[in-house]
Amino acid sequence: MGPVNRRLVGLALLVAAGAAGGTAIRATLEEVFPAQPGQWPQTTFLINITGSLLLGILLEILALSGDDIGWRQRLRLTAGTGVLGGFTTYSSFVVEIDQLARSGHLLIGASYALISIALGVVAAGAGVYLVGAVHRRSAGRGSH
């Protein structure tokens, strides 16, 4: 195996390790706080919104700290793609929407879908904005 292939395998292993951890955390939370039939799937909703916020924070911190190489790339792949990719869950989200719709709770299912997507985007944007604001504030202090 050449150096490029070893590097790619190493990066893939980082993603896999991170995903295993993120998935384990999500599965534990969903086991402890299961969705109730016919009700808003609160656990998945909070996981996805929190994950979106954390991903926005992580990516903005990494973007402000330099190019996506070396430790930044490894952290992005491990924590972002791996941990947060495993922690958040589009598959559970879609299954829960389907279960709500099939059990006659169309309004809850549709609301859950639309609000989850909208708040996920807002949360990711909020994470990016917050890190940028902190960065601008600390940069402003350094110029005095």
C-alpha atoms as a PDB file:
ATOM      1  CA  MET A   1       0.000   0.000   0.000  1.00  0.00           C
ATOM      2  CA  GLY A   2       1.418   3.368  -1.031  1.00  0.00           C
ATOM      3  CA  PRO A   3       1.697   6.436   1.212  1.00  0.00           C
ATOM      4  CA  VAL A   4      -1.440   8.043  -0.247  1.00  0.00           C
ATOM      5  CA  ASN A   5      -3.493   4.897   0.382  1.00  0.00           C
ATOM      6  CA  ARG A   6      -2.146   4.584   3.946  1.00  0.00           C
ATOM      7  CA  ARG A   7      -3.071   8.213   4.572  1.00  0.00           C
ATOM      8  CA  LEU A   8      -6.602   7.706   3.224  1.00  0.00           C
ATOM      9  CA  VAL A   9      -7.052   4.537   5.264  1.00  0.00           C
ATOM     10  CA  GLY A  10      -5.836   6.397   8.339  1.00  0.00           C
ATOM     11  CA  LEU A  11      -8.319   9.215   7.736  1.00  0.00           C
ATOM     12  CA  ALA A  12     -11.128   6.729   7.135  1.00  0.00           C
ATOM     13  CA  LEU A  13     -10.283   5.029  10.441  1.00  0.00           C
ATOM     14  CA  LEU A  14     -10.512   8.389  12.223  1.00  0.00           C
ATOM     15  CA  VAL A  15     -13.965   8.966  10.729  1.00  0.00           C
ATOM     16  CA  ALA A  16     -15.054   5.437  11.676  1.00  0.00           C
ATOM     17  CA  ALA A  17     -13.797   5.769  15.249  1.00  0.00           C
ATOM     18  CA  GLY A  18     -15.520   9.123  15.637  1.00  0.00           C
ATOM     19  CA  ALA A  19     -18.737   7.801  14.118  1.00  0.00           C
ATOM     20  CA  ALA A  20     -18.739   4.828  16.479  1.00  0.00           C
ATOM     21  CA  GLY A  21     -18.492   7.168  19.446  1.00  0.00           C
ATOM     22  CA  GLY A  22     -21.131   9.590  18.187  1.00  0.00           C
ATOM     23  CA  THR A  23     -23.502   6.766  17.310  1.00  0.00           C
ATOM     24  CA  ALA A  24     -23.042   5.182  20.741  1.00  0.00           C
ATOM     25  CA  ILE A  25     -23.913   8.470  22.448  1.00  0.00           C
ATOM     26  CA  ARG A  26     -27.008   8.940  20.275  1.00  0.00           C
ATOM     27  CA  ALA A  27     -28.163   5.352  20.723  1.00  0.00           C
ATOM     28  CA  THR A  28     -27.779   5.650  24.488  1.00  0.00           C
ATOM     29  CA  LEU A  29     -29.785   8.883  24.588  1.00  0.00           C
ATOM     30  CA  GLU A  30     -32.517   7.389  22.402  1.00  0.00           C
ATOM     31  CA  GLU A  31     -32.614   4.296  24.622  1.00  0.00           C
ATOM     32  CA  VAL A  32     -32.897   6.354  27.811  1.00  0.00           C
ATOM     33  CA  PHE A  33     -35.337   8.883  26.299  1.00  0.00           C
ATOM     34  CA  PRO A  34     -37.305   6.976  23.632  1.00  0.00           C
ATOM     35  CA  ALA A  35     -39.753   8.676  21.295  1.00  0.00           C
ATOM     36  CA  GLN A  36     -43.349   8.217  22.386  1.00  0.00           C
ATOM     37  CA  PRO A  37     -45.808   7.040  19.719  1.00  0.00           C
ATOM     38  CA  GLY A  38     -47.783   9.918  18.221  1.00  0.00           C
ATOM     39  CA  GLN A  39     -45.683  12.581  19.950  1.00  0.00           C
ATOM     40  CA  TRP A  40     -42.870  14.902  18.910  1.00  0.00           C
ATOM     41  CA  PRO A  41     -39.587  12.870  18.846  1.00  0.00           C
ATOM     42  CA  GLN A  42     -37.839  15.150  21.347  1.00  0.00           C
ATOM     43  CA  THR A  43     -34.604  13.193  21.701  1.00  0.00           C
ATOM     44  CA  THR A  44     -33.814  13.001  17.983  1.00  0.00           C
ATOM     45  CA  PHE A  45     -34.906  16.621  17.574  1.00  0.00           C
ATOM     46  CA  LEU A  46     -32.549  17.841  20.326  1.00  0.00           C
ATOM     47  CA  ILE A  47     -29.715  15.627  19.092  1.00  0.00           C
ATOM     48  CA  ASN A  48     -29.970  16.986  15.544  1.00  0.00           C
ATOM     49  CA  ILE A  49     -30.250  20.637  16.599  1.00  0.00           C
ATOM     50  CA  THR A  50     -27.378  20.304  19.098  1.00  0.00           C
ATOM     51  CA  GLY A  51     -25.268  18.467  16.528  1.00  0.00           C
ATOM     52  CA  SER A  52     -25.915  21.191  13.947  1.00  0.00           C
ATOM     53  CA  LEU A  53     -24.867  23.893  16.405  1.00  0.00           C
ATOM     54  CA  LEU A  54     -21.728  22.004  17.399  1.00  0.00           C
ATOM     55  CA  LEU A  55     -20.818  21.363  13.768  1.00  0.00           C
ATOM     56  CA  GLY A  56     -21.179  25.063  12.961  1.00  0.00           C
ATOM     57  CA  ILE A  57     -18.951  25.914  15.936  1.00  0.00           C
ATOM     58  CA  LEU A  58     -16.343  23.309  15.037  1.00  0.00           C
ATOM     59  CA  LEU A  59     -16.147  24.215  11.364  1.00  0.00           C
ATOM     60  CA  GLU A  60     -15.876  27.945  12.033  1.00  0.00           C
ATOM     61  CA  ILE A  61     -13.147  27.441  14.646  1.00  0.00           C
ATOM     62  CA  LEU A  62     -11.222  25.297  12.194  1.00  0.00           C
ATOM     63  CA  ALA A  63     -11.783  27.715   9.305  1.00  0.00           C
ATOM     64  CA  LEU A  64     -10.504  30.637  11.366  1.00  0.00           C
ATOM     65  CA  SER A  65      -7.456  28.705  12.526  1.00  0.00           C
ATOM     66  CA  GLY A  66      -6.043  27.926   9.081  1.00  0.00           C
ATOM     67  CA  ASP A  67      -6.157  25.663   6.060  1.00  0.00           C
ATOM     68  CA  ASP A  68      -7.888  22.272   6.161  1.00  0.00           C
ATOM     69  CA  ILE A  69      -4.651  20.289   6.428  1.00  0.00           C
ATOM     70  CA  GLY A  70      -2.792  18.401   9.127  1.00  0.00           C
ATOM     71  CA  TRP A  71      -4.382  18.400  12.572  1.00  0.00           C
ATOM     72  CA  ARG A  72      -7.279  20.604  11.398  1.00  0.00           C
ATOM     73  CA  GLN A  73      -8.266  18.090   8.735  1.00  0.00           C
ATOM     74  CA  ARG A  74      -7.934  15.187  11.162  1.00  0.00           C
ATOM     75  CA  LEU A  75     -10.045  16.996  13.768  1.00  0.00           C
ATOM     76  CA  ARG A  76     -12.682  17.942  11.180  1.00  0.00           C
ATOM     77  CA  LEU A  77     -12.926  14.370   9.955  1.00  0.00           C
ATOM     78  CA  THR A  78     -12.878  12.780  13.412  1.00  0.00           C
ATOM     79  CA  ALA A  79     -15.126  15.199  15.290  1.00  0.00           C
ATOM     80  CA  GLY A  80     -17.215  16.673  12.470  1.00  0.00           C
ATOM     81  CA  THR A  81     -17.747  13.883   9.974  1.00  0.00           C
ATOM     82  CA  GLY A  82     -17.243  11.102  12.511  1.00  0.00           C
ATOM     83  CA  VAL A  83     -18.561  12.025  15.955  1.00  0.00           C
ATOM     84  CA  LEU A  84     -21.180  14.587  14.920  1.00  0.00           C
ATOM     85  CA  GLY A  85     -22.093  12.607  11.803  1.00  0.00           C
ATOM     86  CA  GLY A  86     -22.737   9.561  13.979  1.00  0.00           C
ATOM     87  CA  PHE A  87     -24.415  11.595  16.720  1.00  0.00           C
ATOM     88  CA  THR A  88     -26.900  13.329  14.438  1.00  0.00           C
ATOM     89  CA  THR A  89     -29.297  11.142  12.555  1.00  0.00           C
ATOM     90  CA  TYR A  90     -31.127  11.719   9.347  1.00  0.00           C
ATOM     91  CA  SER A  91     -32.240   8.084   9.225  1.00  0.00           C
ATOM     92  CA  SER A  92     -34.013   8.128  12.612  1.00  0.00           C
ATOM     93  CA  PHE A  93     -35.485  11.513  11.693  1.00  0.00           C
ATOM     94  CA  VAL A  94     -37.033  10.122   8.494  1.00  0.00           C
ATOM     95  CA  VAL A  95     -38.270   6.941  10.207  1.00  0.00           C
ATOM     96  CA  GLU A  96     -39.922   9.017  12.943  1.00  0.00           C
ATOM     97  CA  ILE A  97     -41.643  11.238  10.364  1.00  0.00           C
ATOM     98  CA  ASP A  98     -42.898   8.123   8.564  1.00  0.00           C
ATOM     99  CA  GLN A  99     -44.161   6.580  11.816  1.00  0.00           C
ATOM    100  CA  LEU A 100     -45.995   9.765  12.747  1.00  0.00           C
ATOM    101  CA  ALA A 101     -47.592  10.015   9.304  1.00  0.00           C
ATOM    102  CA  ARG A 102     -48.593   6.334   9.189  1.00  0.00           C
ATOM    103  CA  SER A 103     -50.173   6.536  12.634  1.00  0.00           C
ATOM    104  CA  GLY A 104     -52.360   9.469  11.575  1.00  0.00           C
ATOM    105  CA  HIS A 105     -50.287  12.262  13.134  1.00  0.00           C
ATOM    106  CA  LEU A 106     -49.650  14.096   9.874  1.00  0.00           C
ATOM    107  CA  LEU A 107     -49.518  17.578  11.378  1.00  0.00           C
ATOM    108  CA  ILE A 108     -46.960  16.548  14.010  1.00  0.00           C
ATOM    109  CA  GLY A 109     -44.893  14.704  11.385  1.00  0.00           C
ATOM    110  CA  ALA A 110     -44.907  17.589   8.926  1.00  0.00           C
ATOM    111  CA  SER A 111     -44.189  20.140  11.650  1.00  0.00           C
ATOM    112  CA  TYR A 112     -41.379  17.988  13.005  1.00  0.00           C
ATOM    113  CA  ALA A 113     -39.827  17.706   9.531  1.00  0.00           C
ATOM    114  CA  LEU A 114     -40.017  21.399   8.682  1.00  0.00           C
ATOM    115  CA  ILE A 115     -39.028  22.733  12.094  1.00  0.00           C
ATOM    116  CA  SER A 116     -36.150  20.263  12.444  1.00  0.00           C
ATOM    117  CA  ILE A 117     -34.651  21.239   9.103  1.00  0.00           C
ATOM    118  CA  ALA A 118     -35.155  24.970   9.645  1.00  0.00           C
ATOM    119  CA  LEU A 119     -33.765  24.942  13.189  1.00  0.00           C
ATOM    120  CA  GLY A 120     -30.870  22.721  12.135  1.00  0.00           C
ATOM    121  CA  VAL A 121     -29.816  25.306   9.555  1.00  0.00           C
ATOM    122  CA  VAL A 122     -30.349  28.140  12.061  1.00  0.00           C
ATOM    123  CA  ALA A 123     -28.354  26.277  14.730  1.00  0.00           C
ATOM    124  CA  ALA A 124     -25.430  25.652  12.371  1.00  0.00           C
ATOM    125  CA  GLY A 125     -25.519  29.305  11.321  1.00  0.00           C
ATOM    126  CA  ALA A 126     -25.675  30.374  14.963  1.00  0.00           C
ATOM    127  CA  GLY A 127     -22.588  28.306  15.725  1.00  0.00           C
ATOM    128  CA  VAL A 128     -20.693  29.926  12.864  1.00  0.00           C
ATOM    129  CA  TYR A 129     -21.902  33.384  13.895  1.00  0.00           C
ATOM    130  CA  LEU A 130     -21.029  32.922  17.590  1.00  0.00           C
ATOM    131  CA  VAL A 131     -17.491  31.788  16.870  1.00  0.00           C
ATOM    132  CA  GLY A 132     -17.044  34.620  14.381  1.00  0.00           C
ATOM    133  CA  ALA A 133     -18.327  37.155  16.913  1.00  0.00           C
ATOM    134  CA  VAL A 134     -15.984  35.865  19.619  1.00  0.00           C
ATOM    135  CA  HIS A 135     -13.114  35.896  17.141  1.00  0.00           C
ATOM    136  CA  ARG A 136     -13.856  39.462  16.029  1.00  0.00           C
ATOM    137  CA  ARG A 137     -14.183  40.606  19.635  1.00  0.00           C
ATOM    138  CA  SER A 138     -10.890  39.018  20.695  1.00  0.00           C
ATOM    139  CA  ALA A 139      -9.155  40.365  17.565  1.00  0.00           C
ATOM    140  CA  GLY A 140     -10.472  43.837  18.424  1.00  0.00           C
ATOM    141  CA  ARG A 141      -9.022  43.611  21.929  1.00  0.00           C
ATOM    142  CA  GLY A 142      -5.644  42.650  20.533  1.00  0.00           C
ATOM    143  CA  SER A 143      -5.473  45.793  18.415  1.00  0.00           C
ATOM    144  CA  HIS A 144      -5.669  48.211  21.383  1.00  0.00           C
END
